[in-house]
Amino acid sequence: MPVRAVQHFARMRGGAQAQLLLADDGHYYIVKFQNNPQHRRVLANELLAHVLLRHLELPTPECEIVEVREELIAGSPGLFIEQGTRRVACQAGLQIGSRYPGDPARLPVYDYLPDSLLRQVMNTDCFIGMVAFDKWVSNADGRQAIFFRDQVARWRPATAQGNPDQRGLVAAMIDHGFAFTAHQWRFQDPPLAGIYPRPWLYDAVSGWDSFQPWLDRIRQLSPEILDDAAKPIPPQWYDEAPAALDALLEELYARRRRVPELLRAAKLAPRDPFPNWR
C-alpha cells in the first residue's frame, strides 16, 4: 500500500531532481518522480535494488511507493522538473521514495566525510559487500552513500549481538537508479565500476573470503525473491512492457555465478583496487 505525500519540504541535488517530501506515515522521503530527467525506469531500478540489498543485509534506507496527488503539486511551487530552460510540474501519481533517516530539521546527513571521520564509521565493511552487489547489478553510476549518527545495530546487524544500544557514525547506501545501466536494462561490466573513490576502504580485501557472506547470498538467491521484488512495481514505471522486465530479471538471476569473475576483473584492472589481495 503506497504512502501518500502530504507536504513538500525541500528540493534535492542530483540528476534525478528528487524532492524531499513528508508522507502520511510520519516519515520523510527523498522522492524521484516518473517524469524525472533520467527515465521512469530508474524508479523500478530503485525498488528492485532495495529488495536485493535487504536480502544481502547491506545497509540501505527503507523504500516505499509514494503517491503524490495533483493538489499537493499545485500548492507547492518547488515541485517542478527543469528541462533545459523550461520548468514543468512534477507528474502526479505513484513515485519512488527513499526514506530519510530521521527528521531533516534535526538529523545532519552527509554525502561526504573526510578520511578522519570516515574511519570512525562503524560499518565501513559494507563497502566491500557493495562492490559485489554493484558488479552483479551492473551499476553504471559511482557508488554513493550517506553518513549520519544512529544506533549502529540498525545498519550493521552483527553489532546487535554485542551492544544493541551503541550509537555512532554509520553509512547507508543510496541512489540505485543506474543499476542495470539505468533505463537501458542491459548489463555492462567496466572493471572499476562500483568502486568507491577512497582506496583504503578496500585494504581488508585479501581474497574471495573478504567478500563473504555477500557472495554466498548472491549465489543462493532464489528466483522467488526476484518475483516478489517485481510484483509491486507499477506497470507505468517500466512502460507497461512486462516482457522487458521479465528478461531483465532472468538475466540478473543468471549473472549470480558471474560475480566472482567480475570481481577478479576488477583486481586485474590497471588501477588495482585490492592491492592486498594476492
C-alpha atoms as a PDB file:
ATOM      1  CA  MET A   1       0.000   0.000   0.000  1.00  0.00           C
ATOM      2  CA  PRO A   2       1.604   3.315  -1.042  1.00  0.00           C
ATOM      3  CA  VAL A   3       2.149   6.083   1.458  1.00  0.00           C
ATOM      4  CA  ARG A   4       0.746   9.482   0.489  1.00  0.00           C
ATOM      5  CA  ALA A   5       2.834  12.655   0.355  1.00  0.00           C
ATOM      6  CA  VAL A   6       1.309  15.474   2.403  1.00  0.00           C
ATOM      7  CA  GLN A   7       3.944  18.233   2.407  1.00  0.00           C
ATOM      8  CA  HIS A   8       6.828  19.426   0.255  1.00  0.00           C
ATOM      9  CA  PHE A   9       9.952  20.064   2.314  1.00  0.00           C
ATOM     10  CA  ALA A  10      12.934  20.696   0.002  1.00  0.00           C
ATOM     11  CA  ARG A  11      14.387  20.214  -3.447  1.00  0.00           C
ATOM     12  CA  MET A  12      17.391  17.882  -3.616  1.00  0.00           C
ATOM     13  CA  ARG A  13      20.577  17.984  -5.665  1.00  0.00           C
ATOM     14  CA  GLY A  14      21.263  15.378  -8.345  1.00  0.00           C
ATOM     15  CA  GLY A  15      20.407  14.379 -11.872  1.00  0.00           C
ATOM     16  CA  ALA A  16      17.025  12.870 -10.988  1.00  0.00           C
ATOM     17  CA  GLN A  17      15.900  16.196  -9.428  1.00  0.00           C
ATOM     18  CA  ALA A  18      14.372  14.392  -6.455  1.00  0.00           C
ATOM     19  CA  GLN A  19      12.282  16.140  -3.807  1.00  0.00           C
ATOM     20  CA  LEU A  20      12.124  15.727  -0.033  1.00  0.00           C
ATOM     21  CA  LEU A  21       8.504  15.123   1.000  1.00  0.00           C
ATOM     22  CA  LEU A  22       6.694  14.333   4.227  1.00  0.00           C
ATOM     23  CA  ALA A  23       4.287  11.388   3.940  1.00  0.00           C
ATOM     24  CA  ASP A  24       1.200  10.450   5.909  1.00  0.00           C
ATOM     25  CA  ASP A  25       3.121   7.713   7.776  1.00  0.00           C
ATOM     26  CA  GLY A  26       5.120  10.440   9.550  1.00  0.00           C
ATOM     27  CA  HIS A  27       8.361   9.796   7.625  1.00  0.00           C
ATOM     28  CA  TYR A  28      10.236  11.968   5.165  1.00  0.00           C
ATOM     29  CA  TYR A  29      11.155  10.515   1.760  1.00  0.00           C
ATOM     30  CA  ILE A  30      13.524  11.554  -0.993  1.00  0.00           C
ATOM     31  CA  VAL A  31      11.157  11.096  -3.921  1.00  0.00           C
ATOM     32  CA  LYS A  32      12.017  10.521  -7.571  1.00  0.00           C
ATOM     33  CA  PHE A  33       9.199  11.334  -9.972  1.00  0.00           C
ATOM     34  CA  GLN A  34       8.106   9.462 -13.066  1.00  0.00           C
ATOM     35  CA  ASN A  35       8.952  12.428 -15.295  1.00  0.00           C
ATOM     36  CA  ASN A  36      12.463  12.846 -13.892  1.00  0.00           C
ATOM     37  CA  PRO A  37      15.166  13.662 -16.500  1.00  0.00           C
ATOM     38  CA  GLN A  38      16.813  10.233 -16.239  1.00  0.00           C
ATOM     39  CA  HIS A  39      13.859   7.974 -17.151  1.00  0.00           C
ATOM     40  CA  ARG A  40      10.877   6.465 -15.372  1.00  0.00           C
ATOM     41  CA  ARG A  41      12.601   3.072 -15.323  1.00  0.00           C
ATOM     42  CA  VAL A  42      15.020   4.365 -12.670  1.00  0.00           C
ATOM     43  CA  LEU A  43      12.072   4.165 -10.240  1.00  0.00           C
ATOM     44  CA  ALA A  44      11.750   0.434 -10.921  1.00  0.00           C
ATOM     45  CA  ASN A  45      15.519   0.080 -10.529  1.00  0.00           C
ATOM     46  CA  GLU A  46      15.403   1.716  -7.107  1.00  0.00           C
ATOM     47  CA  LEU A  47      12.706  -0.640  -5.850  1.00  0.00           C
ATOM     48  CA  LEU A  48      14.412  -3.767  -7.207  1.00  0.00           C
ATOM     49  CA  ALA A  49      17.771  -2.740  -5.748  1.00  0.00           C
ATOM     50  CA  HIS A  50      16.200  -2.084  -2.355  1.00  0.00           C
ATOM     51  CA  VAL A  51      14.760  -5.611  -2.154  1.00  0.00           C
ATOM     52  CA  LEU A  52      18.070  -7.168  -3.207  1.00  0.00           C
ATOM     53  CA  LEU A  53      20.107  -5.115  -0.735  1.00  0.00           C
ATOM     54  CA  ARG A  54      17.780  -6.135   2.089  1.00  0.00           C
ATOM     55  CA  HIS A  55      18.279  -9.772   1.115  1.00  0.00           C
ATOM     56  CA  LEU A  56      22.054  -9.302   1.171  1.00  0.00           C
ATOM     57  CA  GLU A  57      21.829  -7.472   4.536  1.00  0.00           C
ATOM     58  CA  LEU A  58      23.604  -4.429   3.169  1.00  0.00           C
ATOM     59  CA  PRO A  59      22.603  -1.064   4.669  1.00  0.00           C
ATOM     60  CA  THR A  60      20.153   0.985   2.655  1.00  0.00           C
ATOM     61  CA  PRO A  61      17.209   3.192   3.705  1.00  0.00           C
ATOM     62  CA  GLU A  62      13.660   1.874   3.596  1.00  0.00           C
ATOM     63  CA  CYS A  63      11.978   2.332   0.247  1.00  0.00           C
ATOM     64  CA  GLU A  64       8.279   2.984  -0.382  1.00  0.00           C
ATOM     65  CA  ILE A  65       5.958   3.735  -3.257  1.00  0.00           C
ATOM     66  CA  VAL A  66       4.776   7.295  -2.640  1.00  0.00           C
ATOM     67  CA  GLU A  67       1.538   8.673  -4.027  1.00  0.00           C
ATOM     68  CA  VAL A  68       1.783  12.369  -4.887  1.00  0.00           C
ATOM     69  CA  ARG A  69      -1.548  13.974  -5.716  1.00  0.00           C
ATOM     70  CA  GLU A  70      -2.333  16.848  -8.055  1.00  0.00           C
ATOM     71  CA  GLU A  71      -3.423  19.147  -5.252  1.00  0.00           C
ATOM     72  CA  LEU A  72      -0.041  18.889  -3.475  1.00  0.00           C
ATOM     73  CA  ILE A  73       1.804  19.673  -6.710  1.00  0.00           C
ATOM     74  CA  ALA A  74      -0.476  22.602  -7.481  1.00  0.00           C
ATOM     75  CA  GLY A  75       0.079  24.038  -3.994  1.00  0.00           C
ATOM     76  CA  SER A  76       3.861  23.520  -3.910  1.00  0.00           C
ATOM     77  CA  PRO A  77       5.792  25.889  -6.211  1.00  0.00           C
ATOM     78  CA  GLY A  78       9.001  23.914  -5.719  1.00  0.00           C
ATOM     79  CA  LEU A  79       7.605  20.682  -7.179  1.00  0.00           C
ATOM     80  CA  PHE A  80       8.896  21.090 -10.729  1.00  0.00           C
ATOM     81  CA  ILE A  81      11.344  19.443 -13.120  1.00  0.00           C
ATOM     82  CA  GLU A  82      13.850  21.505 -15.084  1.00  0.00           C
ATOM     83  CA  GLN A  83      14.024  20.562 -18.762  1.00  0.00           C
ATOM     84  CA  GLY A  84      16.673  22.796 -20.246  1.00  0.00           C
ATOM     85  CA  THR A  85      15.341  26.316 -19.923  1.00  0.00           C
ATOM     86  CA  ARG A  86      11.797  25.110 -19.188  1.00  0.00           C
ATOM     87  CA  ARG A  87      10.148  24.124 -15.934  1.00  0.00           C
ATOM     88  CA  VAL A  88       7.399  21.517 -15.914  1.00  0.00           C
ATOM     89  CA  ALA A  89       5.372  20.356 -12.939  1.00  0.00           C
ATOM     90  CA  CYS A  90       6.286  17.083 -11.287  1.00  0.00           C
ATOM     91  CA  GLN A  91       3.976  14.346 -12.505  1.00  0.00           C
ATOM     92  CA  ALA A  92       1.218  13.247 -10.154  1.00  0.00           C
ATOM     93  CA  GLY A  93       0.759   9.585  -9.334  1.00  0.00           C
ATOM     94  CA  LEU A  94       2.959   6.839  -7.934  1.00  0.00           C
ATOM     95  CA  GLN A  95       6.628   7.690  -7.364  1.00  0.00           C
ATOM     96  CA  ILE A  96       9.544   6.024  -5.553  1.00  0.00           C
ATOM     97  CA  GLY A  97      10.693   7.282  -2.169  1.00  0.00           C
ATOM     98  CA  SER A  98      13.844   6.544  -0.179  1.00  0.00           C
ATOM     99  CA  ARG A  99      13.193   7.195   3.497  1.00  0.00           C
ATOM    100  CA  TYR A 100      15.223   9.977   5.083  1.00  0.00           C
ATOM    101  CA  PRO A 101      16.906   8.524   8.190  1.00  0.00           C
ATOM    102  CA  GLY A 102      15.251  10.976  10.585  1.00  0.00           C
ATOM    103  CA  ASP A 103      13.811  14.452  10.936  1.00  0.00           C
ATOM    104  CA  PRO A 104      15.741  16.594   8.414  1.00  0.00           C
ATOM    105  CA  ALA A 105      15.457  19.586  10.733  1.00  0.00           C
ATOM    106  CA  ARG A 106      17.276  17.682  13.489  1.00  0.00           C
ATOM    107  CA  LEU A 107      19.446  14.965  11.948  1.00  0.00           C
ATOM    108  CA  PRO A 108      22.521  16.061   9.971  1.00  0.00           C
ATOM    109  CA  VAL A 109      23.134  13.762   6.999  1.00  0.00           C
ATOM    110  CA  TYR A 110      26.307  13.980   4.916  1.00  0.00           C
ATOM    111  CA  ASP A 111      27.178  12.599   1.489  1.00  0.00           C
ATOM    112  CA  TYR A 112      30.901  13.160   2.079  1.00  0.00           C
ATOM    113  CA  LEU A 113      33.179  12.737   5.087  1.00  0.00           C
ATOM    114  CA  PRO A 114      36.898  13.471   5.344  1.00  0.00           C
ATOM    115  CA  ASP A 115      39.033  10.408   5.977  1.00  0.00           C
ATOM    116  CA  SER A 116      39.436  11.265   9.658  1.00  0.00           C
ATOM    117  CA  LEU A 117      35.668  10.930  10.163  1.00  0.00           C
ATOM    118  CA  LEU A 118      35.116   8.180   7.597  1.00  0.00           C
ATOM    119  CA  ARG A 119      37.473   5.978   9.636  1.00  0.00           C
ATOM    120  CA  GLN A 120      35.047   6.359  12.555  1.00  0.00           C
ATOM    121  CA  VAL A 121      32.098   4.951  10.575  1.00  0.00           C
ATOM    122  CA  MET A 122      31.053   1.707  12.246  1.00  0.00           C
ATOM    123  CA  ASN A 123      30.015  -0.277   9.167  1.00  0.00           C
ATOM    124  CA  THR A 124      32.625   0.560   6.525  1.00  0.00           C
ATOM    125  CA  ASP A 125      32.961  -3.184   5.820  1.00  0.00           C
ATOM    126  CA  CYS A 126      29.697  -2.859   3.886  1.00  0.00           C
ATOM    127  CA  PHE A 127      31.581  -1.025   1.125  1.00  0.00           C
ATOM    128  CA  ILE A 128      33.261  -4.344   0.303  1.00  0.00           C
ATOM    129  CA  GLY A 129      29.898  -6.078   0.048  1.00  0.00           C
ATOM    130  CA  MET A 130      28.630  -3.269  -2.156  1.00  0.00           C
ATOM    131  CA  VAL A 131      31.334  -3.979  -4.737  1.00  0.00           C
ATOM    132  CA  ALA A 132      29.854  -7.474  -5.201  1.00  0.00           C
ATOM    133  CA  PHE A 133      26.350  -6.000  -5.428  1.00  0.00           C
ATOM    134  CA  ASP A 134      27.297  -3.256  -7.899  1.00  0.00           C
ATOM    135  CA  LYS A 135      29.075  -5.789 -10.112  1.00  0.00           C
ATOM    136  CA  TRP A 136      26.057  -8.075 -10.053  1.00  0.00           C
ATOM    137  CA  VAL A 137      23.520  -5.396 -10.995  1.00  0.00           C
ATOM    138  CA  SER A 138      25.853  -3.534 -13.391  1.00  0.00           C
ATOM    139  CA  ASN A 139      25.574  -0.216 -11.581  1.00  0.00           C
ATOM    140  CA  ALA A 140      26.578   2.420 -14.139  1.00  0.00           C
ATOM    141  CA  ASP A 141      26.848   5.204 -11.540  1.00  0.00           C
ATOM    142  CA  GLY A 142      29.527   5.834  -8.943  1.00  0.00           C
ATOM    143  CA  ARG A 143      28.914   4.243  -5.557  1.00  0.00           C
ATOM    144  CA  GLN A 144      27.012   6.720  -3.396  1.00  0.00           C
ATOM    145  CA  ALA A 145      26.483   6.668   0.357  1.00  0.00           C
ATOM    146  CA  ILE A 146      25.191   8.917   3.117  1.00  0.00           C
ATOM    147  CA  PHE A 147      26.537   9.187   6.650  1.00  0.00           C
ATOM    148  CA  PHE A 148      24.810  10.074   9.930  1.00  0.00           C
ATOM    149  CA  ARG A 149      24.675   9.113  13.604  1.00  0.00           C
ATOM    150  CA  ASP A 150      22.289   6.363  14.688  1.00  0.00           C
ATOM    151  CA  GLN A 151      22.060   3.053  16.509  1.00  0.00           C
ATOM    152  CA  VAL A 152      24.791   1.012  14.869  1.00  0.00           C
ATOM    153  CA  ALA A 153      22.824  -2.262  15.038  1.00  0.00           C
ATOM    154  CA  ARG A 154      20.200  -0.826  12.661  1.00  0.00           C
ATOM    155  CA  TRP A 155      22.826  -0.584   9.922  1.00  0.00           C
ATOM    156  CA  ARG A 156      25.212  -3.376  10.888  1.00  0.00           C
ATOM    157  CA  PRO A 157      23.191  -6.363  12.174  1.00  0.00           C
ATOM    158  CA  ALA A 158      26.222  -8.168  13.634  1.00  0.00           C
ATOM    159  CA  THR A 159      26.566  -5.345  16.169  1.00  0.00           C
ATOM    160  CA  ALA A 160      23.235  -6.290  17.749  1.00  0.00           C
ATOM    161  CA  GLN A 161      24.871  -9.334  19.325  1.00  0.00           C
ATOM    162  CA  GLY A 162      27.184  -7.106  21.333  1.00  0.00           C
ATOM    163  CA  ASN A 163      25.797  -3.743  22.421  1.00  0.00           C
ATOM    164  CA  PRO A 164      22.467  -3.188  20.608  1.00  0.00           C
ATOM    165  CA  ASP A 165      22.170   0.353  22.009  1.00  0.00           C
ATOM    166  CA  GLN A 166      25.560   1.528  20.741  1.00  0.00           C
ATOM    167  CA  ARG A 167      25.389   4.723  18.712  1.00  0.00           C
ATOM    168  CA  GLY A 168      27.886   6.063  16.231  1.00  0.00           C
ATOM    169  CA  LEU A 169      28.514   7.175  12.686  1.00  0.00           C
ATOM    170  CA  VAL A 170      27.029   4.801  10.113  1.00  0.00           C
ATOM    171  CA  ALA A 171      26.824   4.563   6.329  1.00  0.00           C
ATOM    172  CA  ALA A 172      23.750   3.795   4.222  1.00  0.00           C
ATOM    173  CA  MET A 173      23.902   3.049   0.504  1.00  0.00           C
ATOM    174  CA  ILE A 174      21.707   5.182  -1.739  1.00  0.00           C
ATOM    175  CA  ASP A 175      20.810   6.080  -5.324  1.00  0.00           C
ATOM    176  CA  HIS A 176      20.452   2.898  -7.365  1.00  0.00           C
ATOM    177  CA  GLY A 177      18.592   4.318 -10.336  1.00  0.00           C
ATOM    178  CA  PHE A 178      21.535   3.471 -12.608  1.00  0.00           C
ATOM    179  CA  ALA A 179      21.531  -0.218 -11.721  1.00  0.00           C
ATOM    180  CA  PHE A 180      21.041  -2.345 -14.849  1.00  0.00           C
ATOM    181  CA  THR A 181      22.666   0.520 -16.805  1.00  0.00           C
ATOM    182  CA  ALA A 182      19.781   2.850 -15.960  1.00  0.00           C
ATOM    183  CA  HIS A 183      16.856   2.815 -18.417  1.00  0.00           C
ATOM    184  CA  GLN A 184      18.717   0.644 -20.920  1.00  0.00           C
ATOM    185  CA  TRP A 185      18.179  -2.506 -18.850  1.00  0.00           C
ATOM    186  CA  ARG A 186      21.294  -4.235 -20.053  1.00  0.00           C
ATOM    187  CA  PHE A 187      24.472  -5.324 -18.358  1.00  0.00           C
ATOM    188  CA  GLN A 188      27.878  -3.782 -18.972  1.00  0.00           C
ATOM    189  CA  ASP A 189      30.948  -4.640 -16.953  1.00  0.00           C
ATOM    190  CA  PRO A 190      33.675  -1.958 -16.786  1.00  0.00           C
ATOM    191  CA  PRO A 191      36.216  -3.439 -14.363  1.00  0.00           C
ATOM    192  CA  LEU A 192      36.269  -0.499 -11.940  1.00  0.00           C
ATOM    193  CA  ALA A 193      32.533   0.202 -11.854  1.00  0.00           C
ATOM    194  CA  GLY A 194      31.180   0.286  -8.308  1.00  0.00           C
ATOM    195  CA  ILE A 195      34.496   1.155  -6.638  1.00  0.00           C
ATOM    196  CA  TYR A 196      34.153   3.925  -4.046  1.00  0.00           C
ATOM    197  CA  PRO A 197      36.872   6.598  -4.512  1.00  0.00           C
ATOM    198  CA  ARG A 198      38.517   6.050  -1.086  1.00  0.00           C
ATOM    199  CA  PRO A 199      41.053   3.240  -1.724  1.00  0.00           C
ATOM    200  CA  TRP A 200      41.819   2.440   1.917  1.00  0.00           C
ATOM    201  CA  LEU A 201      38.266   1.112   2.378  1.00  0.00           C
ATOM    202  CA  TYR A 202      39.416  -1.980   0.467  1.00  0.00           C
ATOM    203  CA  ASP A 203      42.654  -2.597   2.387  1.00  0.00           C
ATOM    204  CA  ALA A 204      40.934  -5.500   4.174  1.00  0.00           C
ATOM    205  CA  VAL A 205      40.316  -7.375   0.908  1.00  0.00           C
ATOM    206  CA  SER A 206      42.775 -10.281   0.896  1.00  0.00           C
ATOM    207  CA  GLY A 207      40.873 -12.810  -1.220  1.00  0.00           C
ATOM    208  CA  TRP A 208      37.475 -14.298  -2.002  1.00  0.00           C
ATOM    209  CA  ASP A 209      36.629 -14.712   1.677  1.00  0.00           C
ATOM    210  CA  SER A 210      36.693 -10.941   2.116  1.00  0.00           C
ATOM    211  CA  PHE A 211      33.515 -10.741   0.019  1.00  0.00           C
ATOM    212  CA  GLN A 212      31.627 -13.114   2.291  1.00  0.00           C
ATOM    213  CA  PRO A 213      28.859 -13.552   3.308  1.00  0.00           C
ATOM    214  CA  TRP A 214      27.607 -11.405   0.414  1.00  0.00           C
ATOM    215  CA  LEU A 215      28.922 -13.658  -2.359  1.00  0.00           C
ATOM    216  CA  ASP A 216      27.087 -16.659  -0.925  1.00  0.00           C
ATOM    217  CA  ARG A 217      23.887 -14.666  -0.508  1.00  0.00           C
ATOM    218  CA  ILE A 218      24.029 -13.613  -4.154  1.00  0.00           C
ATOM    219  CA  ARG A 219      24.708 -17.146  -5.372  1.00  0.00           C
ATOM    220  CA  GLN A 220      21.965 -18.634  -3.185  1.00  0.00           C
ATOM    221  CA  LEU A 221      19.318 -16.087  -4.159  1.00  0.00           C
ATOM    222  CA  SER A 222      16.052 -17.805  -5.053  1.00  0.00           C
ATOM    223  CA  PRO A 223      14.002 -16.777  -8.109  1.00  0.00           C
ATOM    224  CA  GLU A 224      11.061 -16.221  -5.753  1.00  0.00           C
ATOM    225  CA  ILE A 225      12.858 -13.211  -4.250  1.00  0.00           C
ATOM    226  CA  LEU A 226      13.119 -11.622  -7.690  1.00  0.00           C
ATOM    227  CA  ASP A 227       9.477 -12.391  -8.401  1.00  0.00           C
ATOM    228  CA  ASP A 228       8.420 -10.823  -5.101  1.00  0.00           C
ATOM    229  CA  ALA A 229      10.579  -7.782  -5.846  1.00  0.00           C
ATOM    230  CA  ALA A 230       8.904  -7.263  -9.214  1.00  0.00           C
ATOM    231  CA  LYS A 231       5.274  -7.680  -8.183  1.00  0.00           C
ATOM    232  CA  PRO A 232       4.740  -4.271  -6.514  1.00  0.00           C
ATOM    233  CA  ILE A 233       6.356  -2.281  -9.357  1.00  0.00           C
ATOM    234  CA  PRO A 234       3.675  -0.119 -11.036  1.00  0.00           C
ATOM    235  CA  PRO A 235       3.475  -1.067 -14.741  1.00  0.00           C
ATOM    236  CA  GLN A 236       3.897   2.555 -15.840  1.00  0.00           C
ATOM    237  CA  TRP A 237       7.414   2.518 -14.344  1.00  0.00           C
ATOM    238  CA  TYR A 238       8.510   0.015 -17.000  1.00  0.00           C
ATOM    239  CA  ASP A 239       6.407   1.384 -19.857  1.00  0.00           C
ATOM    240  CA  GLU A 240       3.798  -1.366 -19.490  1.00  0.00           C
ATOM    241  CA  ALA A 241       6.315  -3.811 -21.017  1.00  0.00           C
ATOM    242  CA  PRO A 242       6.304  -6.896 -18.748  1.00  0.00           C
ATOM    243  CA  ALA A 243       8.400  -8.887 -21.237  1.00  0.00           C
ATOM    244  CA  ALA A 244      11.263  -6.418 -20.812  1.00  0.00           C
ATOM    245  CA  LEU A 245      11.052  -6.693 -17.021  1.00  0.00           C
ATOM    246  CA  ASP A 246      10.952 -10.496 -17.188  1.00  0.00           C
ATOM    247  CA  ALA A 247      14.023 -10.546 -19.438  1.00  0.00           C
ATOM    248  CA  LEU A 248      15.888  -8.260 -17.028  1.00  0.00           C
ATOM    249  CA  LEU A 249      15.133 -10.493 -14.048  1.00  0.00           C
ATOM    250  CA  GLU A 250      16.102 -13.646 -15.933  1.00  0.00           C
ATOM    251  CA  GLU A 251      19.475 -12.225 -16.892  1.00  0.00           C
ATOM    252  CA  LEU A 252      20.041 -10.886 -13.384  1.00  0.00           C
ATOM    253  CA  TYR A 253      19.354 -14.346 -11.953  1.00  0.00           C
ATOM    254  CA  ALA A 254      21.747 -15.950 -14.437  1.00  0.00           C
ATOM    255  CA  ARG A 255      24.509 -13.456 -13.528  1.00  0.00           C
ATOM    256  CA  ARG A 256      24.691 -14.627  -9.915  1.00  0.00           C
ATOM    257  CA  ARG A 257      27.529 -17.051 -10.648  1.00  0.00           C
ATOM    258  CA  ARG A 258      29.478 -14.497 -12.679  1.00  0.00           C
ATOM    259  CA  VAL A 259      30.096 -12.168  -9.737  1.00  0.00           C
ATOM    260  CA  PRO A 260      33.444 -13.766  -8.721  1.00  0.00           C
ATOM    261  CA  GLU A 261      34.621 -13.411 -12.320  1.00  0.00           C
ATOM    262  CA  LEU A 262      33.645  -9.728 -12.300  1.00  0.00           C
ATOM    263  CA  LEU A 263      35.476  -9.147  -9.012  1.00  0.00           C
ATOM    264  CA  ARG A 264      38.553 -10.825 -10.459  1.00  0.00           C
ATOM    265  CA  ALA A 265      38.385  -8.489 -13.462  1.00  0.00           C
ATOM    266  CA  ALA A 266      38.446  -5.514 -11.072  1.00  0.00           C
ATOM    267  CA  LYS A 267      41.504  -6.979  -9.340  1.00  0.00           C
ATOM    268  CA  LEU A 268      43.294  -7.260 -12.704  1.00  0.00           C
ATOM    269  CA  ALA A 269      42.425  -3.716 -13.818  1.00  0.00           C
ATOM    270  CA  PRO A 270      45.330  -1.305 -14.443  1.00  0.00           C
ATOM    271  CA  ARG A 271      44.402   0.512 -11.217  1.00  0.00           C
ATOM    272  CA  ASP A 272      44.105  -2.406  -8.792  1.00  0.00           C
ATOM    273  CA  PRO A 273      41.547  -1.504  -6.087  1.00  0.00           C
ATOM    274  CA  PHE A 274      42.523  -4.546  -3.967  1.00  0.00           C
ATOM    275  CA  PRO A 275      46.345  -4.372  -3.556  1.00  0.00           C
ATOM    276  CA  ASN A 276      46.340  -6.723  -0.539  1.00  0.00           C
ATOM    277  CA  TRP A 277      44.566  -9.488  -2.476  1.00  0.00           C
ATOM    278  CA  ARG A 278      47.474 -11.631  -3.560  1.00  0.00           C
END
